[in-house]
Amino acid sequence: MELSTWLAFFAAAWAISLSPGPGALAAMSAGLNHGFRKGYFTTLGLVLGIWVQLVVVGVGLGALLAASATAFVVVKWAGVAYLVYLGVQQWRAPVRPLAELQAGAASVRRRDLVLRGLLINIVNPKGTVFLLAVVPQFLTLSQPLTPQYLVIAATLGFTDLTVMAGYTALAAKVLGTLKSARAMKWMNRTFGGLFVAAGALLSVFKRTA
């Protein structure tokens, strides 16, 4: 991959990472509920999910997903169901004092947060179809593809780790200001509603003909 091509993709990667979506929402929710140091493990899962999507695109399964109505619908509705499930969980989260909330969050395993982030991106066919449309534009077909995919994966991983750190830290900072039960209830329902809204948006997303 030429330097000029990589610089163009690097700029595109920032735009991809900064775009609000389920990943950003998951990062902020993790920061709100677990603080930055622990909540950031959700971002590790999100990046793993992006890499899985990139592998899917690289081996041609992304094209199948874009072309097969059945495969697309199955994955899409699995993603919708998972986002709505997360929304309901967040909406119904018990309202507790800040210290008690943080103590309860300590019992959540880091690997569970990684898995949560991983699943959010894996069951999002919109992301796979998007990568399928964007990535080929930055590939030089006359050169070996594997090194180019590795560069793309590293670039997407770097930008997402950086951007999601900002989202997680922002929400973790907000966590320290939530003193009243009313404020906690409002935040839980806001994030719960946003997860459900993300699921609703995904439900109307259609594959490109």
Protein backbone atom coordinates (compact mmCIF):
# COMPACT_ATOMS: atom_id res chain seq x y z
CA MET A 1 0.00 0.00 0.00
CA GLU A 2 1.39 3.37 -1.05
CA LEU A 3 1.86 6.03 1.63
CA SER A 4 -0.61 8.36 -0.08
CA THR A 5 -3.21 5.58 -0.14
CA TRP A 6 -2.64 4.80 3.51
CA LEU A 7 -2.96 8.47 4.49
CA ALA A 8 -6.30 8.62 2.69
CA PHE A 9 -7.47 5.49 4.50
CA PHE A 10 -6.14 6.84 7.81
CA ALA A 11 -8.38 9.88 7.39
CA ALA A 12 -11.32 7.64 6.48
CA ALA A 13 -10.64 5.45 9.54
CA TRP A 14 -10.99 8.45 11.85
CA ALA A 15 -14.33 9.29 10.26
CA ILE A 16 -15.46 5.66 10.66
CA SER A 17 -14.45 5.56 14.33
CA LEU A 18 -15.92 8.96 15.20
CA SER A 19 -19.28 8.17 13.62
CA PRO A 20 -21.87 7.66 16.38
CA GLY A 21 -23.27 4.15 16.47
CA PRO A 22 -23.64 1.04 18.66
CA GLY A 23 -19.88 0.90 19.28
CA ALA A 24 -19.67 4.44 20.63
CA LEU A 25 -22.80 3.84 22.66
CA ALA A 26 -21.35 0.65 24.14
CA ALA A 27 -18.11 2.44 25.05
CA MET A 28 -19.98 5.23 26.84
CA SER A 29 -22.26 2.79 28.61
CA ALA A 30 -19.24 0.83 29.83
CA GLY A 31 -17.54 3.99 31.05
CA LEU A 32 -20.72 5.04 32.86
CA ASN A 33 -21.22 1.70 34.59
CA HIS A 34 -17.65 0.55 35.22
CA GLY A 35 -15.36 3.58 35.06
CA PHE A 36 -12.58 4.05 32.51
CA ARG A 37 -10.02 1.41 33.50
CA LYS A 38 -12.49 -1.46 33.48
CA GLY A 39 -14.97 -0.11 30.95
CA TYR A 40 -12.21 0.21 28.35
CA PHE A 41 -12.20 -3.59 28.02
CA THR A 42 -15.42 -3.17 26.04
CA THR A 43 -13.41 -1.25 23.45
CA LEU A 44 -10.98 -4.17 23.14
CA GLY A 45 -13.96 -6.32 22.24
CA LEU A 46 -15.19 -3.73 19.74
CA VAL A 47 -11.82 -3.74 17.99
CA LEU A 48 -11.77 -7.55 17.91
CA GLY A 49 -15.22 -7.36 16.34
CA ILE A 50 -13.96 -4.98 13.66
CA TRP A 51 -11.12 -7.37 12.89
CA VAL A 52 -13.56 -10.27 12.61
CA GLN A 53 -15.63 -8.21 10.19
CA LEU A 54 -12.50 -7.42 8.18
CA VAL A 55 -11.63 -11.11 7.98
CA VAL A 56 -15.18 -11.80 6.82
CA VAL A 57 -14.80 -9.18 4.10
CA GLY A 58 -11.32 -10.42 3.17
CA VAL A 59 -12.34 -14.05 2.62
CA GLY A 60 -15.38 -13.10 0.59
CA LEU A 61 -18.08 -13.80 3.14
CA GLY A 62 -18.91 -10.11 3.17
CA ALA A 63 -19.90 -10.36 -0.47
CA LEU A 64 -22.15 -13.30 0.40
CA LEU A 65 -23.74 -11.27 3.17
CA ALA A 66 -24.34 -8.39 0.77
CA ALA A 67 -25.73 -10.67 -1.94
CA SER A 68 -27.78 -13.17 0.08
CA ALA A 69 -31.05 -11.78 1.39
CA THR A 70 -31.46 -14.66 3.84
CA ALA A 71 -27.97 -14.39 5.34
CA PHE A 72 -28.30 -10.64 5.66
CA VAL A 73 -31.71 -10.79 7.35
CA VAL A 74 -30.59 -13.45 9.85
CA VAL A 75 -27.52 -11.49 10.93
CA LYS A 76 -29.37 -8.17 10.93
CA TRP A 77 -32.17 -9.35 13.20
CA ALA A 78 -29.70 -11.05 15.52
CA GLY A 79 -28.04 -7.65 15.85
CA VAL A 80 -31.37 -5.89 16.41
CA ALA A 81 -32.32 -8.38 19.12
CA TYR A 82 -28.98 -7.99 20.90
CA LEU A 83 -29.09 -4.19 20.89
CA VAL A 84 -32.67 -4.17 22.19
CA TYR A 85 -31.68 -6.68 24.88
CA LEU A 86 -28.85 -4.39 25.99
CA GLY A 87 -31.26 -1.46 25.99
CA VAL A 88 -33.81 -3.24 28.17
CA GLN A 89 -31.05 -4.32 30.56
CA GLN A 90 -29.76 -0.76 30.88
CA TRP A 91 -33.26 0.71 31.22
CA ARG A 92 -34.12 -1.71 34.02
CA ALA A 93 -30.78 -1.38 35.80
CA PRO A 94 -31.34 -0.82 39.53
CA VAL A 95 -30.85 2.71 40.79
CA ARG A 96 -28.26 2.61 43.55
CA PRO A 97 -25.89 5.06 45.26
CA LEU A 98 -22.66 5.70 43.36
CA ALA A 99 -20.42 3.78 45.77
CA GLU A 100 -22.73 0.75 45.69
CA LEU A 101 -22.90 0.87 41.91
CA GLN A 102 -19.13 0.85 41.59
CA ALA A 103 -18.85 -2.01 44.06
CA GLY A 104 -21.36 -4.03 42.06
CA ALA A 105 -19.53 -3.28 38.82
CA ALA A 106 -16.38 -4.78 40.31
CA SER A 107 -18.03 -8.22 40.13
CA VAL A 108 -18.38 -8.00 36.34
CA ARG A 109 -15.55 -9.89 34.66
CA ARG A 110 -13.36 -8.10 32.15
CA ARG A 111 -13.75 -10.90 29.64
CA ASP A 112 -17.52 -10.39 29.75
CA LEU A 113 -17.02 -6.75 28.76
CA VAL A 114 -14.72 -7.83 25.92
CA LEU A 115 -17.31 -10.36 24.76
CA ARG A 116 -20.04 -7.73 24.86
CA GLY A 117 -18.06 -5.40 22.61
CA LEU A 118 -17.16 -8.27 20.29
CA LEU A 119 -20.77 -9.34 19.86
CA ILE A 120 -21.97 -5.78 19.20
CA ASN A 121 -19.75 -5.52 16.13
CA ILE A 122 -20.00 -9.12 14.93
CA VAL A 123 -23.82 -9.04 14.71
CA ASN A 124 -23.86 -5.69 12.93
CA PRO A 125 -24.14 -6.46 9.18
CA LYS A 126 -24.24 -2.74 8.47
CA GLY A 127 -20.59 -2.56 9.53
CA THR A 128 -19.63 -5.53 7.36
CA VAL A 129 -21.38 -4.15 4.27
CA PHE A 130 -19.81 -0.74 4.96
CA LEU A 131 -16.31 -2.25 5.11
CA LEU A 132 -17.08 -4.23 1.98
CA ALA A 133 -17.86 -0.95 0.19
CA VAL A 134 -14.95 1.07 1.61
CA VAL A 135 -11.95 -1.26 1.96
CA PRO A 136 -11.59 -2.32 -1.72
CA GLN A 137 -11.14 1.32 -2.71
CA PHE A 138 -7.82 1.39 -0.81
CA LEU A 139 -6.42 -1.93 -2.02
CA THR A 140 -3.78 -2.21 -4.72
CA LEU A 141 -4.80 -5.42 -6.46
CA SER A 142 -1.43 -5.80 -8.19
CA GLN A 143 0.26 -6.19 -4.80
CA PRO A 144 -0.13 -8.95 -2.16
CA LEU A 145 -3.42 -8.41 -0.35
CA THR A 146 -2.59 -9.94 3.06
CA PRO A 147 -0.07 -7.22 4.08
CA GLN A 148 -2.55 -4.56 2.96
CA TYR A 149 -5.34 -6.08 5.04
CA LEU A 150 -2.98 -6.18 8.04
CA VAL A 151 -2.21 -2.48 7.60
CA ILE A 152 -5.93 -1.71 7.33
CA ALA A 153 -6.69 -3.79 10.43
CA ALA A 154 -3.95 -2.06 12.43
CA THR A 155 -5.15 1.37 11.28
CA LEU A 156 -8.78 0.70 12.18
CA GLY A 157 -7.69 -0.78 15.51
CA PHE A 158 -5.60 2.29 16.37
CA THR A 159 -8.28 4.83 15.53
CA ASP A 160 -11.01 2.89 17.31
CA LEU A 161 -8.89 2.36 20.44
CA THR A 162 -8.20 6.10 20.52
CA VAL A 163 -11.71 7.34 19.79
CA MET A 164 -13.44 4.86 22.09
CA ALA A 165 -11.04 5.81 24.86
CA GLY A 166 -12.41 9.31 24.57
CA TYR A 167 -16.02 8.11 24.66
CA THR A 168 -15.32 5.84 27.64
CA ALA A 169 -13.44 8.54 29.56
CA LEU A 170 -16.18 11.08 28.90
CA ALA A 171 -18.84 8.78 30.31
CA ALA A 172 -16.63 7.78 33.24
CA LYS A 173 -16.18 11.47 34.06
CA VAL A 174 -19.95 11.91 34.02
CA LEU A 175 -20.22 8.96 36.43
CA GLY A 176 -18.43 10.94 39.10
CA THR A 177 -21.04 13.71 38.94
CA LEU A 178 -24.05 11.43 39.41
CA LYS A 179 -24.90 11.69 43.07
CA SER A 180 -28.68 11.37 43.17
CA ALA A 181 -30.85 8.35 42.46
CA ARG A 182 -32.89 10.47 40.06
CA ALA A 183 -29.82 11.31 37.98
CA MET A 184 -28.75 7.66 37.85
CA LYS A 185 -32.23 6.62 36.77
CA TRP A 186 -32.21 9.26 34.04
CA MET A 187 -28.84 8.11 32.71
CA ASN A 188 -29.84 4.43 32.76
CA ARG A 189 -33.00 5.15 30.80
CA THR A 190 -31.19 7.44 28.38
CA PHE A 191 -28.62 4.79 27.49
CA GLY A 192 -31.30 2.10 27.46
CA GLY A 193 -33.39 4.13 25.06
CA LEU A 194 -30.38 4.82 22.83
CA PHE A 195 -29.56 1.11 22.57
CA VAL A 196 -33.15 0.37 21.56
CA ALA A 197 -33.03 3.25 19.06
CA ALA A 198 -29.81 1.81 17.58
CA GLY A 199 -31.60 -1.53 17.20
CA ALA A 200 -34.53 0.19 15.51
CA LEU A 201 -32.21 1.95 13.07
CA LEU A 202 -30.47 -1.32 12.26
CA SER A 203 -33.85 -2.99 11.65
CA VAL A 204 -34.60 -0.63 8.74
CA PHE A 205 -31.13 -0.93 7.19
CA LYS A 206 -31.29 -2.71 3.84
CA ARG A 207 -28.54 -4.42 1.89
CA THR A 208 -27.40 -2.72 -1.28
CA ALA A 209 -28.79 -4.32 -4.41
